[in-house]
Amino acid sequence: MNTDKKVLILTDVEQGIESIIKEMTDADSENMVVIRSFDTTIVHPYDEIMSSIIQFVYNDNIEAIYVVGSSDKTATDIKKKIQSESIPALNYLFKHHMPELQADTVEEWLKTDSSHESVKKSVNLISRHPLIPSHIKVQGIVVDDHALISVSA
């Protein structure tokens, strides 16, 4: 058992992921760094999540990164939940004055990909990032109710 192996897990809000990764990697809980987000999508190669990953890789000597998403949840219509008179103004800003945003509308910005696509995109972005050393293993996993599905970039 390699108890000294340090791993970083980028995961969604699903609970219990750590035990699955512990079984897969033989890493002790003390050697696991977990970053949680609503989903596992890294939007931009230099966003806050990617910055955290890079800092952990260098400061904690991470050997492997696992991007773990849970099976797709029921999508909610965010527009129905957000009751705001400012949405038209925000949509205008998104489209015309905020080119750094990766969407044209608030709804588009808040929309999430399927877990499989989200994990695949993030694995690809992390593994090809110029600040992630090439020896770092990056693996994607989608946890379904019945099985683990490995995802490659």
N, C-alpha and C. Protein backbone atom coordinates (compact mmCIF):
# COMPACT_ATOMS: atom_id res chain seq x y z
N MET A 1 0.84 -1.19 0.00
CA MET A 1 0.00 0.00 0.00
C MET A 1 0.89 1.25 0.00
N ASN A 2 0.63 2.17 -0.91
CA ASN A 2 1.40 3.42 -1.01
C ASN A 2 0.68 4.51 -0.24
N THR A 3 0.94 4.58 1.04
CA THR A 3 0.22 5.54 1.88
C THR A 3 0.76 6.95 1.75
N ASP A 4 1.96 7.12 1.15
CA ASP A 4 2.54 8.43 0.99
C ASP A 4 2.10 9.13 -0.29
N LYS A 5 1.40 8.44 -1.14
CA LYS A 5 0.96 9.02 -2.40
C LYS A 5 -0.01 10.16 -2.13
N LYS A 6 0.29 11.35 -2.69
CA LYS A 6 -0.58 12.51 -2.51
C LYS A 6 -1.42 12.69 -3.77
N VAL A 7 -2.72 12.78 -3.57
CA VAL A 7 -3.62 12.96 -4.70
C VAL A 7 -4.51 14.16 -4.48
N LEU A 8 -4.89 14.79 -5.58
CA LEU A 8 -5.82 15.90 -5.56
C LEU A 8 -7.08 15.44 -6.27
N ILE A 9 -8.21 15.74 -5.68
CA ILE A 9 -9.50 15.36 -6.26
C ILE A 9 -10.30 16.63 -6.53
N LEU A 10 -10.66 16.82 -7.79
CA LEU A 10 -11.61 17.88 -8.15
C LEU A 10 -12.94 17.18 -8.33
N THR A 11 -13.92 17.54 -7.53
CA THR A 11 -15.19 16.83 -7.57
C THR A 11 -16.36 17.80 -7.42
N ASP A 12 -17.52 17.29 -7.75
CA ASP A 12 -18.73 18.08 -7.55
C ASP A 12 -19.17 17.94 -6.09
N VAL A 13 -20.37 18.31 -5.81
CA VAL A 13 -20.83 18.34 -4.42
C VAL A 13 -21.30 16.98 -3.91
N GLU A 14 -21.19 15.96 -4.71
CA GLU A 14 -21.59 14.61 -4.30
C GLU A 14 -20.72 14.15 -3.13
N GLN A 15 -21.33 13.59 -2.12
CA GLN A 15 -20.61 13.11 -0.94
C GLN A 15 -20.12 11.68 -1.17
N GLY A 16 -19.08 11.29 -0.45
CA GLY A 16 -18.60 9.92 -0.49
C GLY A 16 -17.57 9.63 -1.55
N ILE A 17 -17.17 10.62 -2.31
CA ILE A 17 -16.20 10.42 -3.39
C ILE A 17 -14.84 10.01 -2.83
N GLU A 18 -14.46 10.57 -1.70
CA GLU A 18 -13.15 10.30 -1.13
C GLU A 18 -12.92 8.80 -0.89
N SER A 19 -13.93 8.10 -0.40
CA SER A 19 -13.77 6.67 -0.13
C SER A 19 -13.55 5.88 -1.42
N ILE A 20 -14.19 6.30 -2.49
CA ILE A 20 -14.01 5.63 -3.79
C ILE A 20 -12.58 5.84 -4.28
N ILE A 21 -12.10 7.08 -4.20
CA ILE A 21 -10.74 7.39 -4.64
C ILE A 21 -9.71 6.69 -3.75
N LYS A 22 -9.99 6.63 -2.45
CA LYS A 22 -9.07 5.95 -1.53
C LYS A 22 -8.90 4.48 -1.94
N GLU A 23 -10.00 3.83 -2.30
CA GLU A 23 -9.93 2.43 -2.75
C GLU A 23 -9.14 2.31 -4.04
N MET A 24 -9.33 3.23 -4.96
CA MET A 24 -8.67 3.16 -6.26
C MET A 24 -7.17 3.43 -6.19
N THR A 25 -6.76 4.31 -5.28
CA THR A 25 -5.38 4.80 -5.27
C THR A 25 -4.53 4.28 -4.13
N ASP A 26 -5.13 3.70 -3.13
CA ASP A 26 -4.42 3.30 -1.91
C ASP A 26 -3.84 4.50 -1.17
N ALA A 27 -4.38 5.69 -1.41
CA ALA A 27 -3.90 6.89 -0.71
C ALA A 27 -4.64 7.05 0.61
N ASP A 28 -3.91 7.47 1.63
CA ASP A 28 -4.54 7.75 2.91
C ASP A 28 -5.35 9.03 2.82
N SER A 29 -6.36 9.14 3.66
CA SER A 29 -7.20 10.34 3.69
C SER A 29 -6.38 11.60 3.95
N GLU A 30 -5.33 11.48 4.77
CA GLU A 30 -4.48 12.64 5.07
C GLU A 30 -3.72 13.13 3.85
N ASN A 31 -3.56 12.27 2.86
CA ASN A 31 -2.81 12.61 1.65
C ASN A 31 -3.73 12.94 0.48
N MET A 32 -4.97 13.23 0.78
CA MET A 32 -5.93 13.57 -0.27
C MET A 32 -6.36 15.03 -0.10
N VAL A 33 -6.23 15.79 -1.16
CA VAL A 33 -6.69 17.17 -1.19
C VAL A 33 -7.95 17.19 -2.04
N VAL A 34 -9.03 17.74 -1.50
CA VAL A 34 -10.30 17.74 -2.22
C VAL A 34 -10.72 19.17 -2.51
N ILE A 35 -10.98 19.44 -3.80
CA ILE A 35 -11.55 20.72 -4.22
C ILE A 35 -12.96 20.42 -4.70
N ARG A 36 -13.94 21.06 -4.07
CA ARG A 36 -15.35 20.85 -4.44
C ARG A 36 -15.89 22.06 -5.19
N SER A 37 -16.70 21.77 -6.19
CA SER A 37 -17.37 22.80 -6.96
C SER A 37 -18.75 22.26 -7.32
N PHE A 38 -19.64 23.12 -7.81
CA PHE A 38 -20.97 22.64 -8.16
C PHE A 38 -20.88 21.53 -9.21
N ASP A 39 -20.01 21.73 -10.20
CA ASP A 39 -19.69 20.64 -11.13
C ASP A 39 -18.19 20.69 -11.36
N THR A 40 -17.68 19.81 -12.18
CA THR A 40 -16.23 19.67 -12.32
C THR A 40 -15.66 20.44 -13.50
N THR A 41 -16.43 21.31 -14.10
CA THR A 41 -15.95 22.04 -15.27
C THR A 41 -14.98 23.14 -14.88
N ILE A 42 -13.83 23.12 -15.51
CA ILE A 42 -12.89 24.23 -15.42
C ILE A 42 -13.17 25.07 -16.65
N VAL A 43 -13.62 26.29 -16.43
CA VAL A 43 -14.08 27.13 -17.53
C VAL A 43 -12.93 27.71 -18.34
N HIS A 44 -11.86 28.06 -17.67
CA HIS A 44 -10.76 28.75 -18.34
C HIS A 44 -9.44 28.22 -17.78
N PRO A 45 -8.41 28.09 -18.60
CA PRO A 45 -7.14 27.54 -18.10
C PRO A 45 -6.47 28.36 -17.00
N TYR A 46 -6.94 29.59 -16.80
CA TYR A 46 -6.35 30.43 -15.77
C TYR A 46 -7.42 30.94 -14.80
N ASP A 47 -8.44 30.12 -14.56
CA ASP A 47 -9.48 30.52 -13.60
C ASP A 47 -9.05 30.12 -12.19
N GLU A 48 -9.91 30.42 -11.22
CA GLU A 48 -9.57 30.18 -9.82
C GLU A 48 -9.37 28.71 -9.49
N ILE A 49 -10.17 27.84 -10.09
CA ILE A 49 -10.02 26.41 -9.81
C ILE A 49 -8.67 25.91 -10.32
N MET A 50 -8.32 26.31 -11.53
CA MET A 50 -7.03 25.88 -12.09
C MET A 50 -5.87 26.45 -11.29
N SER A 51 -5.99 27.68 -10.81
CA SER A 51 -4.97 28.27 -9.96
C SER A 51 -4.78 27.45 -8.69
N SER A 52 -5.88 27.04 -8.08
CA SER A 52 -5.79 26.22 -6.86
C SER A 52 -5.12 24.88 -7.15
N ILE A 53 -5.48 24.27 -8.25
CA ILE A 53 -4.87 22.98 -8.63
C ILE A 53 -3.36 23.14 -8.77
N ILE A 54 -2.93 24.15 -9.49
CA ILE A 54 -1.50 24.38 -9.71
C ILE A 54 -0.78 24.63 -8.39
N GLN A 55 -1.37 25.42 -7.52
CA GLN A 55 -0.74 25.69 -6.23
C GLN A 55 -0.61 24.43 -5.39
N PHE A 56 -1.66 23.60 -5.38
CA PHE A 56 -1.57 22.34 -4.64
C PHE A 56 -0.52 21.41 -5.24
N VAL A 57 -0.44 21.34 -6.56
CA VAL A 57 0.54 20.46 -7.21
C VAL A 57 1.95 20.81 -6.74
N TYR A 58 2.27 22.08 -6.72
CA TYR A 58 3.63 22.49 -6.35
C TYR A 58 3.86 22.57 -4.85
N ASN A 59 2.87 22.98 -4.08
CA ASN A 59 3.06 23.14 -2.63
C ASN A 59 2.90 21.84 -1.86
N ASP A 60 2.08 20.92 -2.36
CA ASP A 60 1.83 19.67 -1.64
C ASP A 60 2.39 18.44 -2.34
N ASN A 61 3.17 18.63 -3.39
CA ASN A 61 3.78 17.52 -4.12
C ASN A 61 2.75 16.47 -4.57
N ILE A 62 1.72 16.94 -5.20
CA ILE A 62 0.66 16.06 -5.71
C ILE A 62 1.23 15.17 -6.81
N GLU A 63 0.90 13.87 -6.76
CA GLU A 63 1.36 12.92 -7.76
C GLU A 63 0.29 12.59 -8.80
N ALA A 64 -0.97 12.75 -8.41
CA ALA A 64 -2.06 12.39 -9.32
C ALA A 64 -3.25 13.31 -9.07
N ILE A 65 -3.98 13.58 -10.14
CA ILE A 65 -5.18 14.41 -10.06
C ILE A 65 -6.34 13.59 -10.60
N TYR A 66 -7.43 13.54 -9.83
CA TYR A 66 -8.63 12.84 -10.26
C TYR A 66 -9.77 13.85 -10.37
N VAL A 67 -10.36 13.91 -11.55
CA VAL A 67 -11.54 14.74 -11.77
C VAL A 67 -12.72 13.79 -11.68
N VAL A 68 -13.54 13.96 -10.65
CA VAL A 68 -14.60 12.99 -10.37
C VAL A 68 -15.96 13.69 -10.39
N GLY A 69 -16.81 13.26 -11.31
CA GLY A 69 -18.16 13.78 -11.39
C GLY A 69 -19.16 12.69 -11.06
N SER A 70 -20.28 13.07 -10.52
CA SER A 70 -21.33 12.09 -10.25
C SER A 70 -22.29 12.08 -11.43
N SER A 71 -23.05 11.00 -11.53
CA SER A 71 -23.96 10.86 -12.67
C SER A 71 -24.87 12.07 -12.75
N ASP A 72 -25.31 12.36 -13.95
CA ASP A 72 -26.07 13.59 -14.21
C ASP A 72 -27.27 13.72 -13.29
N LYS A 73 -27.38 14.92 -12.78
CA LYS A 73 -28.52 15.25 -11.94
C LYS A 73 -29.59 15.87 -12.83
N THR A 74 -30.80 15.93 -12.34
CA THR A 74 -31.87 16.54 -13.10
C THR A 74 -31.56 18.02 -13.29
N ALA A 75 -31.56 18.44 -14.54
CA ALA A 75 -31.28 19.84 -14.84
C ALA A 75 -32.46 20.70 -14.41
N THR A 76 -32.14 21.84 -13.85
CA THR A 76 -33.19 22.76 -13.45
C THR A 76 -33.15 23.97 -14.35
N ASP A 77 -34.29 24.53 -14.60
CA ASP A 77 -34.36 25.73 -15.41
C ASP A 77 -34.02 26.90 -14.51
N ILE A 78 -32.79 27.34 -14.60
CA ILE A 78 -32.30 28.38 -13.70
C ILE A 78 -33.05 29.68 -13.88
N LYS A 79 -33.53 29.93 -15.08
CA LYS A 79 -34.25 31.18 -15.34
C LYS A 79 -35.52 31.26 -14.50
N LYS A 80 -36.18 30.12 -14.30
CA LYS A 80 -37.39 30.10 -13.47
C LYS A 80 -37.06 30.35 -12.00
N LYS A 81 -35.88 29.92 -11.57
CA LYS A 81 -35.51 30.07 -10.17
C LYS A 81 -34.98 31.46 -9.85
N ILE A 82 -34.35 32.07 -10.82
CA ILE A 82 -33.83 33.42 -10.59
C ILE A 82 -34.90 34.41 -11.02
N GLN A 83 -35.51 35.01 -10.05
CA GLN A 83 -36.53 36.02 -10.31
C GLN A 83 -35.86 37.38 -10.14
N SER A 84 -35.34 37.90 -11.22
CA SER A 84 -34.62 39.15 -11.12
C SER A 84 -34.92 40.06 -12.30
N GLU A 85 -35.17 41.30 -11.99
CA GLU A 85 -35.40 42.28 -13.04
C GLU A 85 -34.10 42.67 -13.71
N SER A 86 -32.97 42.31 -13.11
CA SER A 86 -31.68 42.70 -13.66
C SER A 86 -31.16 41.74 -14.73
N ILE A 87 -31.84 40.62 -14.97
CA ILE A 87 -31.35 39.66 -15.96
C ILE A 87 -31.20 40.28 -17.35
N PRO A 88 -32.17 41.05 -17.87
CA PRO A 88 -31.94 41.65 -19.19
C PRO A 88 -30.69 42.55 -19.23
N ALA A 89 -30.47 43.32 -18.19
CA ALA A 89 -29.29 44.17 -18.14
C ALA A 89 -28.01 43.34 -18.07
N LEU A 90 -28.04 42.30 -17.26
CA LEU A 90 -26.88 41.41 -17.17
C LEU A 90 -26.61 40.73 -18.51
N ASN A 91 -27.68 40.29 -19.19
CA ASN A 91 -27.50 39.66 -20.50
C ASN A 91 -26.86 40.63 -21.49
N TYR A 92 -27.25 41.89 -21.44
CA TYR A 92 -26.66 42.90 -22.31
C TYR A 92 -25.16 43.04 -22.00
N LEU A 93 -24.82 43.10 -20.72
CA LEU A 93 -23.42 43.20 -20.33
C LEU A 93 -22.62 41.98 -20.76
N PHE A 94 -23.21 40.81 -20.57
CA PHE A 94 -22.54 39.58 -20.98
C PHE A 94 -22.18 39.63 -22.45
N LYS A 95 -23.14 40.07 -23.24
CA LYS A 95 -22.96 40.02 -24.69
C LYS A 95 -22.06 41.13 -25.22
N HIS A 96 -22.14 42.32 -24.63
CA HIS A 96 -21.47 43.47 -25.25
C HIS A 96 -20.30 44.06 -24.47
N HIS A 97 -20.22 43.84 -23.18
CA HIS A 97 -19.20 44.56 -22.42
C HIS A 97 -18.31 43.67 -21.57
N MET A 98 -18.48 42.38 -21.62
CA MET A 98 -17.66 41.50 -20.80
C MET A 98 -17.13 40.36 -21.67
N PRO A 99 -16.19 40.67 -22.56
CA PRO A 99 -15.70 39.63 -23.48
C PRO A 99 -14.96 38.50 -22.78
N GLU A 100 -14.51 38.72 -21.53
CA GLU A 100 -13.81 37.65 -20.82
C GLU A 100 -14.74 36.54 -20.36
N LEU A 101 -16.05 36.80 -20.36
CA LEU A 101 -17.00 35.77 -19.97
C LEU A 101 -17.18 34.77 -21.11
N GLN A 102 -17.41 33.54 -20.76
CA GLN A 102 -17.50 32.47 -21.74
C GLN A 102 -18.93 32.21 -22.20
N ALA A 103 -19.80 33.21 -22.08
CA ALA A 103 -21.21 33.02 -22.44
C ALA A 103 -21.79 34.36 -22.87
N ASP A 104 -22.95 34.28 -23.54
CA ASP A 104 -23.64 35.49 -23.99
C ASP A 104 -24.79 35.89 -23.08
N THR A 105 -25.26 34.97 -22.23
CA THR A 105 -26.38 35.25 -21.35
C THR A 105 -26.12 34.68 -19.96
N VAL A 106 -26.88 35.15 -18.98
CA VAL A 106 -26.77 34.61 -17.62
C VAL A 106 -27.10 33.12 -17.62
N GLU A 107 -28.15 32.74 -18.33
CA GLU A 107 -28.57 31.34 -18.37
C GLU A 107 -27.46 30.45 -18.95
N GLU A 108 -26.83 30.92 -20.02
CA GLU A 108 -25.74 30.16 -20.65
C GLU A 108 -24.57 30.02 -19.69
N TRP A 109 -24.27 31.09 -18.96
CA TRP A 109 -23.16 31.10 -18.02
C TRP A 109 -23.40 30.11 -16.88
N LEU A 110 -24.64 29.98 -16.43
CA LEU A 110 -24.96 29.10 -15.32
C LEU A 110 -25.23 27.65 -15.73
N LYS A 111 -25.38 27.41 -17.02
CA LYS A 111 -25.68 26.07 -17.53
C LYS A 111 -24.48 25.14 -17.33
N THR A 112 -24.74 23.90 -17.01
CA THR A 112 -23.67 22.93 -16.85
C THR A 112 -23.76 21.86 -17.93
N ASP A 113 -22.60 21.30 -18.28
CA ASP A 113 -22.55 20.19 -19.23
C ASP A 113 -22.95 18.90 -18.53
N SER A 114 -23.09 17.83 -19.31
CA SER A 114 -23.29 16.52 -18.69
C SER A 114 -22.04 16.20 -17.88
N SER A 115 -22.18 15.35 -16.89
CA SER A 115 -21.03 14.99 -16.04
C SER A 115 -19.89 14.43 -16.88
N HIS A 116 -20.22 13.58 -17.83
CA HIS A 116 -19.21 12.96 -18.69
C HIS A 116 -18.44 14.03 -19.46
N GLU A 117 -19.15 14.95 -20.10
CA GLU A 117 -18.51 16.03 -20.86
C GLU A 117 -17.70 16.95 -19.97
N SER A 118 -18.25 17.29 -18.82
CA SER A 118 -17.57 18.17 -17.88
C SER A 118 -16.25 17.57 -17.42
N VAL A 119 -16.27 16.32 -17.04
CA VAL A 119 -15.06 15.63 -16.58
C VAL A 119 -14.05 15.55 -17.72
N LYS A 120 -14.51 15.19 -18.89
CA LYS A 120 -13.61 15.06 -20.05
C LYS A 120 -12.92 16.39 -20.37
N LYS A 121 -13.69 17.49 -20.38
CA LYS A 121 -13.11 18.80 -20.67
C LYS A 121 -12.07 19.19 -19.62
N SER A 122 -12.38 18.95 -18.36
CA SER A 122 -11.45 19.34 -17.30
C SER A 122 -10.18 18.49 -17.31
N VAL A 123 -10.31 17.20 -17.56
CA VAL A 123 -9.12 16.34 -17.65
C VAL A 123 -8.23 16.82 -18.79
N ASN A 124 -8.83 17.12 -19.91
CA ASN A 124 -8.08 17.61 -21.06
C ASN A 124 -7.35 18.91 -20.73
N LEU A 125 -8.06 19.84 -20.11
CA LEU A 125 -7.47 21.13 -19.78
C LEU A 125 -6.32 20.99 -18.77
N ILE A 126 -6.53 20.20 -17.73
CA ILE A 126 -5.50 20.02 -16.71
C ILE A 126 -4.27 19.32 -17.30
N SER A 127 -4.49 18.24 -18.02
CA SER A 127 -3.35 17.45 -18.52
C SER A 127 -2.54 18.20 -19.56
N ARG A 128 -3.14 19.15 -20.24
CA ARG A 128 -2.41 19.91 -21.27
C ARG A 128 -1.96 21.29 -20.79
N HIS A 129 -2.23 21.59 -19.54
CA HIS A 129 -1.88 22.92 -19.02
C HIS A 129 -0.36 23.05 -18.94
N PRO A 130 0.19 24.17 -19.41
CA PRO A 130 1.65 24.31 -19.41
C PRO A 130 2.30 24.36 -18.03
N LEU A 131 1.52 24.62 -16.97
CA LEU A 131 2.10 24.68 -15.63
C LEU A 131 1.92 23.38 -14.83
N ILE A 132 1.28 22.39 -15.44
CA ILE A 132 1.14 21.09 -14.79
C ILE A 132 2.26 20.19 -15.32
N PRO A 133 3.13 19.70 -14.44
CA PRO A 133 4.23 18.84 -14.90
C PRO A 133 3.70 17.59 -15.62
N SER A 134 4.43 17.17 -16.62
CA SER A 134 3.97 16.05 -17.45
C SER A 134 3.92 14.72 -16.69
N HIS A 135 4.64 14.59 -15.59
CA HIS A 135 4.62 13.34 -14.84
C HIS A 135 3.38 13.19 -13.94
N ILE A 136 2.59 14.25 -13.80
CA ILE A 136 1.38 14.19 -12.98
C ILE A 136 0.32 13.39 -13.74
N LYS A 137 -0.18 12.36 -13.10
CA LYS A 137 -1.24 11.54 -13.69
C LYS A 137 -2.57 12.28 -13.52
N VAL A 138 -3.32 12.44 -14.62
CA VAL A 138 -4.63 13.09 -14.57
C VAL A 138 -5.65 12.10 -15.11
N GLN A 139 -6.65 11.80 -14.29
CA GLN A 139 -7.65 10.80 -14.67
C GLN A 139 -9.04 11.34 -14.38
N GLY A 140 -9.98 11.01 -15.26
CA GLY A 140 -11.36 11.40 -15.06
C GLY A 140 -12.23 10.20 -14.73
N ILE A 141 -13.16 10.41 -13.83
CA ILE A 141 -14.07 9.34 -13.41
C ILE A 141 -15.46 9.92 -13.23
N VAL A 142 -16.45 9.22 -13.76
CA VAL A 142 -17.84 9.56 -13.49
C VAL A 142 -18.40 8.44 -12.62
N VAL A 143 -18.97 8.83 -11.48
CA VAL A 143 -19.53 7.85 -10.56
C VAL A 143 -21.03 7.77 -10.84
N ASP A 144 -21.44 6.60 -11.29
CA ASP A 144 -22.84 6.32 -11.55
C ASP A 144 -23.38 5.57 -10.34
N ASP A 145 -24.67 5.44 -10.25
CA ASP A 145 -25.27 4.70 -9.13
C ASP A 145 -24.75 3.27 -9.06
N HIS A 146 -24.37 2.72 -10.19
CA HIS A 146 -24.02 1.31 -10.23
C HIS A 146 -22.56 1.01 -10.57
N ALA A 147 -21.81 2.02 -11.09
CA ALA A 147 -20.46 1.71 -11.54
C ALA A 147 -19.62 2.97 -11.63
N LEU A 148 -18.32 2.75 -11.75
CA LEU A 148 -17.37 3.83 -12.04
C LEU A 148 -17.09 3.80 -13.53
N ILE A 149 -17.12 4.95 -14.15
CA ILE A 149 -16.86 5.04 -15.58
C ILE A 149 -15.61 5.90 -15.76
N SER A 150 -14.55 5.32 -16.29
CA SER A 150 -13.32 6.08 -16.51
C SER A 150 -13.50 6.95 -17.74
N VAL A 151 -13.02 8.18 -17.67
CA VAL A 151 -13.15 9.13 -18.75
C VAL A 151 -11.77 9.58 -19.15
N SER A 152 -11.45 9.54 -20.42
CA SER A 152 -10.16 10.04 -20.86
C SER A 152 -10.35 11.27 -21.74
N ALA A 153 -9.32 12.06 -21.80
CA ALA A 153 -9.39 13.32 -22.56
C ALA A 153 -9.37 13.08 -24.05
